[in-house]
Amino acid sequence: MPRRSRLQLPGVPLHITHRGVNRAAIFIDDEDRCHYLRLLEQMVIEHQVAVHAYVLMDNHIHLLATAMRSDAVASALRRLAQCHVQSVNRRHRRTGTLWEGRFKSCLVDSDRYLLTVYRYIELNPVRARMVDRPEQYAWSSVHANAHLRVDPIVVPHPCYVALHADPRERATLYRAWLHEGVDEEQLGAIRAHLAQERAYGDRRFQEMVERTLNRPATVRGRPRRPAEDAAD
């Protein structure tokens, strides 16, 4: 049976996650993480993908990205995953895959939905109890979005830019938004839409996706409570 095609639309952001096989580590050390980020920067330039937020966890990654070609994100992530496996296997003298199949993705509506996904991604290390504050974690886009350092990977989305005309004021507003956290209802909704690869947004957005792609865009069944999920 052929795999179901992804929900993808040019210019509409995608929330992406890619997990290690059996939830095993995909990064052995910091050099693996540095190399992955170098590859990510290279691949998004080659495929013209804008990355707005990201986090590298021990056994999975999250990205929020937009492309103007429907196949650009999949092409970039496929090549990125292949190159990362080759590098890790060579450095650590191992064989086999790292990844649990292909990555999962969901379309994301603009405005509050998009900024909520920014926050979900950058608070991942806090939810995993790796750090107390997102800025303490080295391997995420929070340092660029909070205006703490330049990150060549990060391209601000217009919804983020609209927070304020002045970059410093924008970062101040974003940090306040970030530290408000993600409530349980939002956690459950984000995880359910990502797991089922649907469209995260209001009903009007979902209906637009369904009309355009002739595919279901809403979540089936009851979203799982956050406590039913491992930290992700």
C-alpha atoms as a PDB file:
ATOM      1  CA  MET A   1       0.000   0.000   0.000  1.00  0.00           C
ATOM      2  CA  PRO A   2       1.550   3.369  -0.995  1.00  0.00           C
ATOM      3  CA  ARG A   3       2.344   5.856   1.735  1.00  0.00           C
ATOM      4  CA  ARG A   4      -0.108   8.690   2.190  1.00  0.00           C
ATOM      5  CA  SER A   5       1.248  11.958   0.825  1.00  0.00           C
ATOM      6  CA  ARG A   6       1.900  14.781   3.255  1.00  0.00           C
ATOM      7  CA  LEU A   7      -0.264  17.841   3.700  1.00  0.00           C
ATOM      8  CA  GLN A   8       1.927  20.520   2.095  1.00  0.00           C
ATOM      9  CA  LEU A   9       1.120  23.929   0.662  1.00  0.00           C
ATOM     10  CA  PRO A  10       3.578  26.474  -0.750  1.00  0.00           C
ATOM     11  CA  GLY A  11       4.126  29.334   1.680  1.00  0.00           C
ATOM     12  CA  VAL A  12       2.355  27.634   4.603  1.00  0.00           C
ATOM     13  CA  PRO A  13       4.597  26.749   7.574  1.00  0.00           C
ATOM     14  CA  LEU A  14       5.202  23.132   8.559  1.00  0.00           C
ATOM     15  CA  HIS A  15       5.868  21.866  12.064  1.00  0.00           C
ATOM     16  CA  ILE A  16       8.242  18.923  11.639  1.00  0.00           C
ATOM     17  CA  THR A  17       9.555  16.286  14.011  1.00  0.00           C
ATOM     18  CA  HIS A  18      11.949  13.431  13.309  1.00  0.00           C
ATOM     19  CA  ARG A  19      12.614  10.844  15.993  1.00  0.00           C
ATOM     20  CA  GLY A  20      15.335   8.271  16.580  1.00  0.00           C
ATOM     21  CA  VAL A  21      14.491   4.620  16.017  1.00  0.00           C
ATOM     22  CA  ASN A  22      13.038   3.113  19.211  1.00  0.00           C
ATOM     23  CA  ARG A  23      13.481   6.603  20.712  1.00  0.00           C
ATOM     24  CA  ALA A  24      17.247   6.047  20.763  1.00  0.00           C
ATOM     25  CA  ALA A  25      19.745   8.914  20.624  1.00  0.00           C
ATOM     26  CA  ILE A  26      20.358  10.615  17.288  1.00  0.00           C
ATOM     27  CA  PHE A  27      23.224  12.716  18.673  1.00  0.00           C
ATOM     28  CA  ILE A  28      26.099  11.061  20.543  1.00  0.00           C
ATOM     29  CA  ASP A  29      27.991  14.246  21.389  1.00  0.00           C
ATOM     30  CA  ASP A  30      28.098  17.979  20.717  1.00  0.00           C
ATOM     31  CA  GLU A  31      30.124  17.527  17.541  1.00  0.00           C
ATOM     32  CA  ASP A  32      27.209  15.534  16.131  1.00  0.00           C
ATOM     33  CA  ARG A  33      24.901  18.427  17.016  1.00  0.00           C
ATOM     34  CA  CYS A  34      27.231  21.010  15.483  1.00  0.00           C
ATOM     35  CA  HIS A  35      27.543  18.968  12.314  1.00  0.00           C
ATOM     36  CA  TYR A  36      23.758  18.537  12.089  1.00  0.00           C
ATOM     37  CA  LEU A  37      23.305  22.315  12.306  1.00  0.00           C
ATOM     38  CA  ARG A  38      25.938  22.864   9.623  1.00  0.00           C
ATOM     39  CA  LEU A  39      24.097  20.390   7.407  1.00  0.00           C
ATOM     40  CA  LEU A  40      20.758  22.045   8.185  1.00  0.00           C
ATOM     41  CA  GLU A  41      22.109  25.452   7.191  1.00  0.00           C
ATOM     42  CA  GLN A  42      23.476  24.021   3.950  1.00  0.00           C
ATOM     43  CA  MET A  43      20.309  22.113   3.043  1.00  0.00           C
ATOM     44  CA  VAL A  44      17.862  24.964   3.695  1.00  0.00           C
ATOM     45  CA  ILE A  45      19.961  27.274   1.508  1.00  0.00           C
ATOM     46  CA  GLU A  46      20.136  24.716  -1.298  1.00  0.00           C
ATOM     47  CA  HIS A  47      16.395  23.988  -1.191  1.00  0.00           C
ATOM     48  CA  GLN A  48      15.252  27.537  -0.343  1.00  0.00           C
ATOM     49  CA  VAL A  49      13.581  26.653   2.928  1.00  0.00           C
ATOM     50  CA  ALA A  50      13.124  29.238   5.696  1.00  0.00           C
ATOM     51  CA  VAL A  51      13.555  27.827   9.225  1.00  0.00           C
ATOM     52  CA  HIS A  52      11.787  29.907  11.886  1.00  0.00           C
ATOM     53  CA  ALA A  53      12.374  27.754  14.979  1.00  0.00           C
ATOM     54  CA  TYR A  54      14.186  24.542  15.854  1.00  0.00           C
ATOM     55  CA  VAL A  55      15.403  22.413  18.740  1.00  0.00           C
ATOM     56  CA  LEU A  56      17.789  19.466  18.816  1.00  0.00           C
ATOM     57  CA  MET A  57      16.879  17.044  21.598  1.00  0.00           C
ATOM     58  CA  ASP A  58      18.803  13.870  22.409  1.00  0.00           C
ATOM     59  CA  ASN A  59      16.512  11.532  20.473  1.00  0.00           C
ATOM     60  CA  HIS A  60      14.473  13.802  18.191  1.00  0.00           C
ATOM     61  CA  ILE A  61      14.372  17.195  16.515  1.00  0.00           C
ATOM     62  CA  HIS A  62      11.682  19.804  15.877  1.00  0.00           C
ATOM     63  CA  LEU A  63      11.623  22.361  13.074  1.00  0.00           C
ATOM     64  CA  LEU A  64       9.188  25.080  12.038  1.00  0.00           C
ATOM     65  CA  ALA A  65       9.824  25.871   8.387  1.00  0.00           C
ATOM     66  CA  THR A  66       8.290  27.427   5.273  1.00  0.00           C
ATOM     67  CA  ALA A  67       9.048  26.840   1.599  1.00  0.00           C
ATOM     68  CA  MET A  68       7.536  28.176  -1.603  1.00  0.00           C
ATOM     69  CA  ARG A  69       7.766  24.736  -3.294  1.00  0.00           C
ATOM     70  CA  SER A  70       5.675  21.912  -1.896  1.00  0.00           C
ATOM     71  CA  ASP A  71       8.483  19.360  -2.216  1.00  0.00           C
ATOM     72  CA  ALA A  72      11.307  21.568  -0.919  1.00  0.00           C
ATOM     73  CA  VAL A  73      11.038  20.724   2.785  1.00  0.00           C
ATOM     74  CA  ALA A  74      10.806  16.973   2.168  1.00  0.00           C
ATOM     75  CA  SER A  75      13.803  17.091  -0.197  1.00  0.00           C
ATOM     76  CA  ALA A  76      15.904  19.094   2.268  1.00  0.00           C
ATOM     77  CA  LEU A  77      14.998  16.913   5.273  1.00  0.00           C
ATOM     78  CA  ARG A  78      15.541  13.663   3.383  1.00  0.00           C
ATOM     79  CA  ARG A  79      19.050  14.706   2.355  1.00  0.00           C
ATOM     80  CA  LEU A  80      19.772  16.107   5.825  1.00  0.00           C
ATOM     81  CA  ALA A  81      18.772  12.831   7.491  1.00  0.00           C
ATOM     82  CA  GLN A  82      20.903  10.781   5.103  1.00  0.00           C
ATOM     83  CA  CYS A  83      23.989  12.933   5.594  1.00  0.00           C
ATOM     84  CA  HIS A  84      23.576  12.953   9.371  1.00  0.00           C
ATOM     85  CA  VAL A  85      23.409   9.140   9.528  1.00  0.00           C
ATOM     86  CA  GLN A  86      26.522   8.861   7.389  1.00  0.00           C
ATOM     87  CA  SER A  87      28.400  11.294   9.624  1.00  0.00           C
ATOM     88  CA  VAL A  88      27.367   9.671  12.913  1.00  0.00           C
ATOM     89  CA  ASN A  89      28.127   6.169  11.625  1.00  0.00           C
ATOM     90  CA  ARG A  90      31.540   7.232  10.379  1.00  0.00           C
ATOM     91  CA  ARG A  91      32.513   9.152  13.536  1.00  0.00           C
ATOM     92  CA  HIS A  92      31.287   6.528  15.995  1.00  0.00           C
ATOM     93  CA  ARG A  93      32.074   3.400  13.971  1.00  0.00           C
ATOM     94  CA  ARG A  94      28.511   2.183  13.903  1.00  0.00           C
ATOM     95  CA  THR A  95      26.170   0.900  11.183  1.00  0.00           C
ATOM     96  CA  GLY A  96      22.475   1.096  10.409  1.00  0.00           C
ATOM     97  CA  THR A  97      19.893   3.822  10.570  1.00  0.00           C
ATOM     98  CA  LEU A  98      19.236   6.397  13.279  1.00  0.00           C
ATOM     99  CA  TRP A  99      15.749   7.457  12.272  1.00  0.00           C
ATOM    100  CA  GLU A 100      12.349   5.953  13.009  1.00  0.00           C
ATOM    101  CA  GLY A 101      11.058   6.100   9.446  1.00  0.00           C
ATOM    102  CA  ARG A 102      10.260   9.377   7.734  1.00  0.00           C
ATOM    103  CA  PHE A 103       9.662  12.617   9.593  1.00  0.00           C
ATOM    104  CA  LYS A 104       6.177  13.726  10.646  1.00  0.00           C
ATOM    105  CA  SER A 105       4.780  17.138   9.786  1.00  0.00           C
ATOM    106  CA  CYS A 106       1.659  19.263  10.076  1.00  0.00           C
ATOM    107  CA  LEU A 107       0.625  22.498   8.434  1.00  0.00           C
ATOM    108  CA  VAL A 108       0.371  25.474  10.792  1.00  0.00           C
ATOM    109  CA  ASP A 109      -1.974  28.439  10.550  1.00  0.00           C
ATOM    110  CA  SER A 110      -0.606  31.942  11.078  1.00  0.00           C
ATOM    111  CA  ASP A 111      -0.924  34.310  14.049  1.00  0.00           C
ATOM    112  CA  ARG A 112      -1.456  32.671  17.445  1.00  0.00           C
ATOM    113  CA  TYR A 113      -1.137  29.117  16.148  1.00  0.00           C
ATOM    114  CA  LEU A 114       2.249  29.755  14.576  1.00  0.00           C
ATOM    115  CA  LEU A 115       3.655  31.598  17.595  1.00  0.00           C
ATOM    116  CA  THR A 116       2.335  28.846  19.865  1.00  0.00           C
ATOM    117  CA  VAL A 117       4.356  26.329  17.840  1.00  0.00           C
ATOM    118  CA  TYR A 118       7.438  28.583  18.147  1.00  0.00           C
ATOM    119  CA  ARG A 119       6.917  28.415  21.904  1.00  0.00           C
ATOM    120  CA  TYR A 120       6.205  24.682  21.948  1.00  0.00           C
ATOM    121  CA  ILE A 121       9.471  23.970  20.123  1.00  0.00           C
ATOM    122  CA  GLU A 122      11.723  26.233  22.165  1.00  0.00           C
ATOM    123  CA  LEU A 123      10.258  25.097  25.515  1.00  0.00           C
ATOM    124  CA  ASN A 124      10.932  21.442  24.717  1.00  0.00           C
ATOM    125  CA  PRO A 125      14.123  21.269  26.851  1.00  0.00           C
ATOM    126  CA  VAL A 126      12.250  22.861  29.778  1.00  0.00           C
ATOM    127  CA  ARG A 127       9.437  20.292  29.558  1.00  0.00           C
ATOM    128  CA  ALA A 128      12.089  17.552  29.460  1.00  0.00           C
ATOM    129  CA  ARG A 129      13.623  19.062  32.643  1.00  0.00           C
ATOM    130  CA  MET A 130      16.982  19.506  30.983  1.00  0.00           C
ATOM    131  CA  VAL A 131      17.076  23.223  31.862  1.00  0.00           C
ATOM    132  CA  ASP A 132      15.017  25.668  33.924  1.00  0.00           C
ATOM    133  CA  ARG A 133      14.779  28.324  31.219  1.00  0.00           C
ATOM    134  CA  PRO A 134      14.843  27.908  27.418  1.00  0.00           C
ATOM    135  CA  GLU A 135      17.758  30.341  27.056  1.00  0.00           C
ATOM    136  CA  GLN A 136      19.946  27.925  29.032  1.00  0.00           C
ATOM    137  CA  TYR A 137      19.717  25.310  26.285  1.00  0.00           C
ATOM    138  CA  ALA A 138      22.402  25.657  23.627  1.00  0.00           C
ATOM    139  CA  TRP A 139      20.794  23.730  20.776  1.00  0.00           C
ATOM    140  CA  SER A 140      17.737  25.724  19.759  1.00  0.00           C
ATOM    141  CA  SER A 141      16.588  28.816  17.901  1.00  0.00           C
ATOM    142  CA  VAL A 142      15.681  30.605  21.130  1.00  0.00           C
ATOM    143  CA  HIS A 143      18.958  32.534  21.084  1.00  0.00           C
ATOM    144  CA  ALA A 144      18.100  34.088  17.720  1.00  0.00           C
ATOM    145  CA  ASN A 145      14.417  34.689  18.422  1.00  0.00           C
ATOM    146  CA  ALA A 146      15.187  36.185  21.847  1.00  0.00           C
ATOM    147  CA  HIS A 147      17.814  38.450  20.213  1.00  0.00           C
ATOM    148  CA  LEU A 148      20.678  36.943  22.215  1.00  0.00           C
ATOM    149  CA  ARG A 149      22.919  35.992  19.290  1.00  0.00           C
ATOM    150  CA  VAL A 150      22.890  35.731  15.506  1.00  0.00           C
ATOM    151  CA  ASP A 151      21.937  32.354  14.071  1.00  0.00           C
ATOM    152  CA  PRO A 152      22.350  32.013  10.291  1.00  0.00           C
ATOM    153  CA  ILE A 153      19.764  29.224  10.194  1.00  0.00           C
ATOM    154  CA  VAL A 154      16.864  31.264  11.581  1.00  0.00           C
ATOM    155  CA  VAL A 155      14.622  33.338   9.304  1.00  0.00           C
ATOM    156  CA  PRO A 156      11.924  35.250  11.239  1.00  0.00           C
ATOM    157  CA  HIS A 157       8.380  34.539  10.073  1.00  0.00           C
ATOM    158  CA  PRO A 158       6.237  37.637   9.303  1.00  0.00           C
ATOM    159  CA  CYS A 159       4.005  36.768  12.302  1.00  0.00           C
ATOM    160  CA  TYR A 160       7.039  36.989  14.568  1.00  0.00           C
ATOM    161  CA  VAL A 161       8.246  40.203  12.901  1.00  0.00           C
ATOM    162  CA  ALA A 162       4.776  41.728  13.411  1.00  0.00           C
ATOM    163  CA  LEU A 163       5.244  41.617  17.187  1.00  0.00           C
ATOM    164  CA  HIS A 164       7.100  44.973  16.990  1.00  0.00           C
ATOM    165  CA  ALA A 165       8.932  47.088  14.423  1.00  0.00           C
ATOM    166  CA  ASP A 166      12.015  47.395  16.625  1.00  0.00           C
ATOM    167  CA  PRO A 167      14.006  44.122  16.869  1.00  0.00           C
ATOM    168  CA  ARG A 168      14.906  44.620  20.544  1.00  0.00           C
ATOM    169  CA  GLU A 169      11.342  45.392  21.556  1.00  0.00           C
ATOM    170  CA  ARG A 170      10.182  42.468  19.434  1.00  0.00           C
ATOM    171  CA  ALA A 171      12.560  40.134  21.273  1.00  0.00           C
ATOM    172  CA  THR A 172      11.386  41.458  24.643  1.00  0.00           C
ATOM    173  CA  LEU A 173       7.771  40.756  23.713  1.00  0.00           C
ATOM    174  CA  TYR A 174       8.697  37.342  22.391  1.00  0.00           C
ATOM    175  CA  ARG A 175      10.576  36.397  25.576  1.00  0.00           C
ATOM    176  CA  ALA A 176       7.551  37.379  27.658  1.00  0.00           C
ATOM    177  CA  TRP A 177       5.315  35.273  25.387  1.00  0.00           C
ATOM    178  CA  LEU A 178       7.746  32.369  25.549  1.00  0.00           C
ATOM    179  CA  HIS A 179       7.887  32.340  29.333  1.00  0.00           C
ATOM    180  CA  GLU A 180       4.096  32.245  29.617  1.00  0.00           C
ATOM    181  CA  GLY A 181       4.392  28.583  28.609  1.00  0.00           C
ATOM    182  CA  VAL A 182       2.105  26.223  26.704  1.00  0.00           C
ATOM    183  CA  ASP A 183      -1.005  25.032  28.512  1.00  0.00           C
ATOM    184  CA  GLU A 184      -2.206  21.422  28.541  1.00  0.00           C
ATOM    185  CA  GLU A 185      -4.887  21.995  25.915  1.00  0.00           C
ATOM    186  CA  GLN A 186      -2.351  23.505  23.507  1.00  0.00           C
ATOM    187  CA  LEU A 187       0.144  20.690  24.198  1.00  0.00           C
ATOM    188  CA  GLY A 188      -2.470  18.067  23.434  1.00  0.00           C
ATOM    189  CA  ALA A 189      -3.638  19.826  20.271  1.00  0.00           C
ATOM    190  CA  ILE A 190      -0.130  20.336  18.873  1.00  0.00           C
ATOM    191  CA  ARG A 191       0.881  16.744  19.556  1.00  0.00           C
ATOM    192  CA  ALA A 192      -2.326  15.322  18.078  1.00  0.00           C
ATOM    193  CA  HIS A 193      -2.077  17.356  14.862  1.00  0.00           C
ATOM    194  CA  LEU A 194       1.580  16.392  14.472  1.00  0.00           C
ATOM    195  CA  ALA A 195       1.000  12.691  15.196  1.00  0.00           C
ATOM    196  CA  GLN A 196      -1.850  12.522  12.655  1.00  0.00           C
ATOM    197  CA  GLU A 197      -0.131  14.973  10.258  1.00  0.00           C
ATOM    198  CA  ARG A 198      -3.151  17.275  10.013  1.00  0.00           C
ATOM    199  CA  ALA A 199      -3.538  21.072   9.815  1.00  0.00           C
ATOM    200  CA  TYR A 200      -3.142  22.961  13.103  1.00  0.00           C
ATOM    201  CA  GLY A 201      -5.299  26.072  12.980  1.00  0.00           C
ATOM    202  CA  ASP A 202      -8.860  27.313  13.096  1.00  0.00           C
ATOM    203  CA  ARG A 203     -11.705  25.672  11.206  1.00  0.00           C
ATOM    204  CA  ARG A 204     -11.518  28.157   8.316  1.00  0.00           C
ATOM    205  CA  PHE A 205      -7.850  27.264   7.793  1.00  0.00           C
ATOM    206  CA  GLN A 206      -8.598  23.539   7.932  1.00  0.00           C
ATOM    207  CA  GLU A 207     -11.443  23.877   5.427  1.00  0.00           C
ATOM    208  CA  MET A 208      -9.120  25.757   3.070  1.00  0.00           C
ATOM    209  CA  VAL A 209      -6.572  22.936   3.315  1.00  0.00           C
ATOM    210  CA  GLU A 210      -9.247  20.300   2.695  1.00  0.00           C
ATOM    211  CA  ARG A 211     -10.604  22.122  -0.364  1.00  0.00           C
ATOM    212  CA  THR A 212      -7.138  22.722  -1.793  1.00  0.00           C
ATOM    213  CA  LEU A 213      -5.677  19.257  -1.236  1.00  0.00           C
ATOM    214  CA  ASN A 214      -8.875  17.186  -1.187  1.00  0.00           C
ATOM    215  CA  ARG A 215      -7.653  15.526   2.016  1.00  0.00           C
ATOM    216  CA  PRO A 216      -8.876  15.465   5.643  1.00  0.00           C
ATOM    217  CA  ALA A 217      -7.207  18.168   7.721  1.00  0.00           C
ATOM    218  CA  THR A 218      -8.800  17.729  11.154  1.00  0.00           C
ATOM    219  CA  VAL A 219      -7.729  15.444  13.991  1.00  0.00           C
ATOM    220  CA  ARG A 220      -9.633  12.190  14.467  1.00  0.00           C
ATOM    221  CA  GLY A 221     -10.697  11.091  17.947  1.00  0.00           C
ATOM    222  CA  ARG A 222      -9.795  12.562  21.314  1.00  0.00           C
ATOM    223  CA  PRO A 223      -6.395  14.234  21.543  1.00  0.00           C
ATOM    224  CA  ARG A 224      -4.229  12.509  24.124  1.00  0.00           C
ATOM    225  CA  ARG A 225      -3.537  14.327  27.358  1.00  0.00           C
ATOM    226  CA  PRO A 226       0.044  15.602  27.711  1.00  0.00           C
ATOM    227  CA  ALA A 227       0.642  13.123  30.563  1.00  0.00           C
ATOM    228  CA  GLU A 228      -0.005  10.286  28.100  1.00  0.00           C
ATOM    229  CA  ASP A 229       2.990  11.370  26.012  1.00  0.00           C
ATOM    230  CA  ALA A 230       6.671  11.134  26.747  1.00  0.00           C
ATOM    231  CA  ALA A 231       8.485  14.466  26.848  1.00  0.00           C
ATOM    232  CA  ASP A 232       8.815  15.710  23.278  1.00  0.00           C
END
